[in-house]
Amino acid sequence: MAKDKMQASRFEQKYIISEEQALQVRDFVRSYLELDENGVGKPNYSYPVHSLYLDSDDLKLYWTTINGDKNRYKLRLRFYNNNPDTPVFFEIKRRMNNCIMKKRGGVRRDAVDLLLAGHIPEPSHLVSKDPKHMMALQDFCRYMQQIRAKPKAHIAYLREAYVPHDDNSARLTMDREVRAEPELTARLSTRMEQPVLIWGKEIVLELKFTNRFPDWFRELVRIFGLRQCGAAKYVDGVATLGEYKFDARRLAQYGDTLDPRFELNHHAVSTPVGEPTLVDKERR
């Protein structure tokens, strides 16, 4: 990926919208923000995002969200392609009351297995000499070891993102085809075997800001009649698929058979997925 424009500390509001609304939001936001350079020239102006979420066998991190804990965190490895020369980002996403704080360190792919096995982080594991990256990696490994976190879920989607020209005060993202499947190893492949579409063809709109809620965000919400909601990709993915498929103790009890209610209530993708496909990719 190009320049890292991650907001280290921010507030965010999420909405579930239709494709029709997404196209209208696209027209609206271009008066205030510019398209993220990673989406330039891409179908639907979107680039693929893949995350491997880690959790304990009893899903401690999942349950902190379900229970509404005020102060909680998630651990994930984020990657964007299968290129062995591109980094994997070890990310901690913390929620402190209403504030979201993120930090991450870019790691060489050939060091990922060592770190997940408990190896002490070393400067040679990182792709950057920035001390913040080493601190983030050390914190990640400490949290991981405290709860014995392991790979649990692969979450993938196509992101259309808009950013300010010269600062990082506000961002708008729209995530299409949000998919989830159990992943208990760190294979870090963009290929998914039997993913489930968490929200079907609906899109997750996120408004992210570092200080006050911008006036034009408020106007956007008013014009399109948006209603704020929760849309936690990892947590909703686990809930959709069934918690027992990620909990080693329950998996031993139930086996690897889907809950029979699954096919009736959720959107299953029956064919293997390689590089992400697009919903209505001809529509711009």
Foldseek 3Di string as FASTA:
>chain_A
DPDDLDDQKWFKFKFWAFPVLVVVVVVLCVVPFAWDPVQPPHQVSWAKKKKFWWAALVRPQLVCVVVVPQWGKTWIWIDGADDQAFWIKTKIWIGHRRMIGMAIFTFRPVCVVVLLVPHQDDPNRGPDPPVSHNVRSNVSSVVCVVRVIFGFKMWMWIKTKTAHDPHGFKIKIKTFQIWMDTDRHPPPAQKAAKIFRLVPGIIMIMIIGHDDDDPSNVVSCVVVVTDTDDDDSVNSRCVLQDVLSRNVVSCVVVPDDTDVCNVVPGGIDNGIDHRDDDDPSVPD
